[in-house]
Amino acid sequence: MSARVHECVGALLVCDGRVLLGRRTADREFLAGAWDVLGGHSEDGESEIDTLMRELDEEAGVVPTRWRRLDTLEGVQPTPWRLHLYAVTQWRGEPCNRQPDEHEELRWCTAQEAARHLAAAHPAFARLLGEALAAEGA
């Protein structure tokens, strides 16, 4: 019997050439203490867009109003997962850390900082970061 794949949605919020990232708390099972995109697991029967909306509201207090799907990434650590990644270029609300139990902090990062921070999360993030920044001007 194969393991269930955890469906997830992640978001790169982009504003003025910067990207909003979250530093995961040290007690997280996956990527503890590392910088990562915002997002999380889809609930049963929830669409990607519904997950995107819910997670960004829960984690950062924003409601996306303009986004573009970037790619789907897959991995197996710690369990099989599939991440649908979006560039979010417009939203309502002011981003703030609404889940300090999940993220020690949220920070606006330059492209170079974001690329360095995200290198540990997934090797494809460097390419997708460039696409997210390009989406801001589209």
C-alpha atoms as a PDB file:
ATOM      1  CA  MET A   1       0.000   0.000   0.000  1.00  0.00           C
ATOM      2  CA  SER A   2       1.458   3.373  -0.971  1.00  0.00           C
ATOM      3  CA  ALA A   3       1.585   6.310   1.429  1.00  0.00           C
ATOM      4  CA  ARG A   4      -0.968   9.089   1.085  1.00  0.00           C
ATOM      5  CA  VAL A   5       0.379  12.165  -0.719  1.00  0.00           C
ATOM      6  CA  HIS A   6      -0.100  15.361   1.292  1.00  0.00           C
ATOM      7  CA  GLU A   7      -1.473  18.040  -1.032  1.00  0.00           C
ATOM      8  CA  CYS A   8      -0.115  21.484  -0.164  1.00  0.00           C
ATOM      9  CA  VAL A   9      -0.283  25.009  -1.535  1.00  0.00           C
ATOM     10  CA  GLY A  10       2.506  27.553  -1.167  1.00  0.00           C
ATOM     11  CA  ALA A  11       2.688  31.238  -1.997  1.00  0.00           C
ATOM     12  CA  LEU A  12       5.418  33.696  -2.856  1.00  0.00           C
ATOM     13  CA  LEU A  13       3.953  37.115  -2.005  1.00  0.00           C
ATOM     14  CA  VAL A  14       5.774  39.674  -4.150  1.00  0.00           C
ATOM     15  CA  CYS A  15       5.820  43.449  -3.668  1.00  0.00           C
ATOM     16  CA  ASP A  16       8.290  46.010  -5.048  1.00  0.00           C
ATOM     17  CA  GLY A  17      10.784  43.304  -6.017  1.00  0.00           C
ATOM     18  CA  ARG A  18      10.746  41.713  -2.557  1.00  0.00           C
ATOM     19  CA  VAL A  19       9.315  38.396  -1.397  1.00  0.00           C
ATOM     20  CA  LEU A  20       7.595  37.628   1.910  1.00  0.00           C
ATOM     21  CA  LEU A  21       9.007  34.526   3.602  1.00  0.00           C
ATOM     22  CA  GLY A  22       8.358  32.859   6.931  1.00  0.00           C
ATOM     23  CA  ARG A  23      10.975  31.340   9.233  1.00  0.00           C
ATOM     24  CA  ARG A  24       9.526  28.107  10.570  1.00  0.00           C
ATOM     25  CA  THR A  25       9.607  27.500  14.307  1.00  0.00           C
ATOM     26  CA  ALA A  26      12.299  25.192  15.657  1.00  0.00           C
ATOM     27  CA  ASP A  27       9.774  22.550  16.713  1.00  0.00           C
ATOM     28  CA  ARG A  28       8.372  21.936  13.214  1.00  0.00           C
ATOM     29  CA  GLU A  29       8.674  18.382  11.881  1.00  0.00           C
ATOM     30  CA  PHE A  30       9.716  19.523   8.388  1.00  0.00           C
ATOM     31  CA  LEU A  31      12.346  22.226   7.737  1.00  0.00           C
ATOM     32  CA  ALA A  32      12.510  23.229  11.407  1.00  0.00           C
ATOM     33  CA  GLY A  33      13.961  26.730  11.787  1.00  0.00           C
ATOM     34  CA  ALA A  34      14.290  27.192   8.025  1.00  0.00           C
ATOM     35  CA  TRP A  35      12.891  29.942   5.825  1.00  0.00           C
ATOM     36  CA  ASP A  36      10.030  28.831   3.609  1.00  0.00           C
ATOM     37  CA  VAL A  37       7.148  30.054   1.490  1.00  0.00           C
ATOM     38  CA  LEU A  38       3.818  30.657   3.209  1.00  0.00           C
ATOM     39  CA  GLY A  39       1.114  28.024   2.825  1.00  0.00           C
ATOM     40  CA  GLY A  40       0.130  24.620   4.055  1.00  0.00           C
ATOM     41  CA  HIS A  41      -1.841  21.430   3.642  1.00  0.00           C
ATOM     42  CA  SER A  42      -5.128  21.265   1.784  1.00  0.00           C
ATOM     43  CA  GLU A  43      -8.107  20.092   3.783  1.00  0.00           C
ATOM     44  CA  ASP A  44     -10.184  17.192   2.418  1.00  0.00           C
ATOM     45  CA  GLY A  45     -12.151  18.318  -0.638  1.00  0.00           C
ATOM     46  CA  GLU A  46     -10.546  21.773  -0.664  1.00  0.00           C
ATOM     47  CA  SER A  47      -9.417  23.224  -4.012  1.00  0.00           C
ATOM     48  CA  GLU A  48      -5.946  24.696  -4.529  1.00  0.00           C
ATOM     49  CA  ILE A  49      -7.358  28.228  -4.640  1.00  0.00           C
ATOM     50  CA  ASP A  50      -9.431  27.674  -1.500  1.00  0.00           C
ATOM     51  CA  THR A  51      -6.289  26.420   0.264  1.00  0.00           C
ATOM     52  CA  LEU A  52      -4.312  29.430  -0.988  1.00  0.00           C
ATOM     53  CA  MET A  53      -6.954  31.828   0.336  1.00  0.00           C
ATOM     54  CA  ARG A  54      -7.343  30.075   3.692  1.00  0.00           C
ATOM     55  CA  GLU A  55      -3.638  29.607   4.390  1.00  0.00           C
ATOM     56  CA  LEU A  56      -2.663  33.196   3.555  1.00  0.00           C
ATOM     57  CA  ASP A  57      -5.467  34.528   5.721  1.00  0.00           C
ATOM     58  CA  GLU A  58      -4.538  32.206   8.615  1.00  0.00           C
ATOM     59  CA  GLU A  59      -0.775  32.762   8.416  1.00  0.00           C
ATOM     60  CA  ALA A  60      -0.406  36.366   7.230  1.00  0.00           C
ATOM     61  CA  GLY A  61      -3.822  38.020   7.480  1.00  0.00           C
ATOM     62  CA  VAL A  62      -4.098  38.730   3.755  1.00  0.00           C
ATOM     63  CA  VAL A  63      -6.617  37.768   1.075  1.00  0.00           C
ATOM     64  CA  PRO A  64      -5.072  37.270  -2.387  1.00  0.00           C
ATOM     65  CA  THR A  65      -6.717  39.236  -5.201  1.00  0.00           C
ATOM     66  CA  ARG A  66      -4.198  38.507  -7.992  1.00  0.00           C
ATOM     67  CA  TRP A  67      -2.120  35.367  -8.365  1.00  0.00           C
ATOM     68  CA  ARG A  68      -0.509  33.083 -10.917  1.00  0.00           C
ATOM     69  CA  ARG A  69       0.229  29.381 -10.614  1.00  0.00           C
ATOM     70  CA  LEU A  70       3.949  28.748 -10.986  1.00  0.00           C
ATOM     71  CA  ASP A  71       4.511  24.989 -10.741  1.00  0.00           C
ATOM     72  CA  THR A  72       3.871  21.791  -8.824  1.00  0.00           C
ATOM     73  CA  LEU A  73       6.754  20.289  -6.863  1.00  0.00           C
ATOM     74  CA  GLU A  74       6.904  16.836  -5.297  1.00  0.00           C
ATOM     75  CA  GLY A  75       8.943  15.239  -2.544  1.00  0.00           C
ATOM     76  CA  VAL A  76       8.953  12.381  -0.060  1.00  0.00           C
ATOM     77  CA  GLN A  77      10.389  13.836   3.170  1.00  0.00           C
ATOM     78  CA  PRO A  78       9.146  13.386   5.832  1.00  0.00           C
ATOM     79  CA  THR A  79       6.166  11.852   3.977  1.00  0.00           C
ATOM     80  CA  PRO A  80       5.109  12.088   0.312  1.00  0.00           C
ATOM     81  CA  TRP A  81       3.923  15.610  -0.557  1.00  0.00           C
ATOM     82  CA  ARG A  82       2.895  17.687  -3.548  1.00  0.00           C
ATOM     83  CA  LEU A  83       3.223  21.501  -3.400  1.00  0.00           C
ATOM     84  CA  HIS A  84       1.266  23.720  -5.789  1.00  0.00           C
ATOM     85  CA  LEU A  85       3.188  27.006  -5.780  1.00  0.00           C
ATOM     86  CA  TYR A  86       1.664  30.396  -6.616  1.00  0.00           C
ATOM     87  CA  ALA A  87       2.992  33.913  -7.105  1.00  0.00           C
ATOM     88  CA  VAL A  88       0.669  36.337  -5.310  1.00  0.00           C
ATOM     89  CA  THR A  89       1.114  39.899  -6.549  1.00  0.00           C
ATOM     90  CA  GLN A  90      -1.916  41.664  -5.074  1.00  0.00           C
ATOM     91  CA  TRP A  91      -3.882  41.178  -1.875  1.00  0.00           C
ATOM     92  CA  ARG A  92      -6.109  42.863   0.670  1.00  0.00           C
ATOM     93  CA  GLY A  93      -4.759  43.404   4.170  1.00  0.00           C
ATOM     94  CA  GLU A  94      -1.371  44.120   5.682  1.00  0.00           C
ATOM     95  CA  PRO A  95       0.842  41.028   6.063  1.00  0.00           C
ATOM     96  CA  CYS A  96       1.555  40.118   9.678  1.00  0.00           C
ATOM     97  CA  ASN A  97       2.513  36.941  11.525  1.00  0.00           C
ATOM     98  CA  ARG A  98      -0.829  35.517  12.654  1.00  0.00           C
ATOM     99  CA  GLN A  99       0.593  32.087  13.526  1.00  0.00           C
ATOM    100  CA  PRO A 100       3.694  32.527  15.701  1.00  0.00           C
ATOM    101  CA  ASP A 101       3.390  28.845  16.653  1.00  0.00           C
ATOM    102  CA  GLU A 102       4.245  28.017  13.003  1.00  0.00           C
ATOM    103  CA  HIS A 103       6.549  30.915  12.018  1.00  0.00           C
ATOM    104  CA  GLU A 104       9.030  32.647  14.285  1.00  0.00           C
ATOM    105  CA  GLU A 105       8.869  35.631  11.954  1.00  0.00           C
ATOM    106  CA  LEU A 106       7.754  36.865   8.553  1.00  0.00           C
ATOM    107  CA  ARG A 107      10.197  39.011   6.590  1.00  0.00           C
ATOM    108  CA  TRP A 108      10.294  40.862   3.276  1.00  0.00           C
ATOM    109  CA  CYS A 109      13.457  39.647   1.502  1.00  0.00           C
ATOM    110  CA  THR A 110      15.335  40.817  -1.555  1.00  0.00           C
ATOM    111  CA  ALA A 111      15.570  38.343  -4.431  1.00  0.00           C
ATOM    112  CA  GLN A 112      19.118  37.434  -3.377  1.00  0.00           C
ATOM    113  CA  GLU A 113      18.137  36.920   0.270  1.00  0.00           C
ATOM    114  CA  ALA A 114      15.093  34.872  -0.718  1.00  0.00           C
ATOM    115  CA  ALA A 115      17.133  32.650  -3.054  1.00  0.00           C
ATOM    116  CA  ARG A 116      19.669  32.014  -0.292  1.00  0.00           C
ATOM    117  CA  HIS A 117      16.976  31.346   2.326  1.00  0.00           C
ATOM    118  CA  LEU A 118      14.913  29.034   0.097  1.00  0.00           C
ATOM    119  CA  ALA A 119      17.832  26.913  -1.149  1.00  0.00           C
ATOM    120  CA  ALA A 120      17.311  24.398   1.677  1.00  0.00           C
ATOM    121  CA  ALA A 121      13.560  24.083   1.087  1.00  0.00           C
ATOM    122  CA  HIS A 122      13.650  22.906  -2.554  1.00  0.00           C
ATOM    123  CA  PRO A 123      16.169  23.292  -5.412  1.00  0.00           C
ATOM    124  CA  ALA A 124      13.446  24.510  -7.815  1.00  0.00           C
ATOM    125  CA  PHE A 125      12.647  27.534  -5.640  1.00  0.00           C
ATOM    126  CA  ALA A 126      15.462  29.607  -7.207  1.00  0.00           C
ATOM    127  CA  ARG A 127      13.907  29.301 -10.678  1.00  0.00           C
ATOM    128  CA  LEU A 128      10.379  29.811  -9.402  1.00  0.00           C
ATOM    129  CA  LEU A 129      11.445  32.844  -7.404  1.00  0.00           C
ATOM    130  CA  GLY A 130      12.505  34.512 -10.666  1.00  0.00           C
ATOM    131  CA  GLU A 131       9.141  33.664 -12.224  1.00  0.00           C
ATOM    132  CA  ALA A 132       7.297  35.064  -9.209  1.00  0.00           C
ATOM    133  CA  LEU A 133       9.219  38.338  -9.388  1.00  0.00           C
ATOM    134  CA  ALA A 134       8.517  38.562 -13.135  1.00  0.00           C
ATOM    135  CA  ALA A 135       4.801  38.005 -12.445  1.00  0.00           C
ATOM    136  CA  GLU A 136       4.730  41.205 -10.403  1.00  0.00           C
ATOM    137  CA  GLY A 137       5.298  43.252 -13.553  1.00  0.00           C
ATOM    138  CA  ALA A 138       2.960  41.190 -15.751  1.00  0.00           C
END
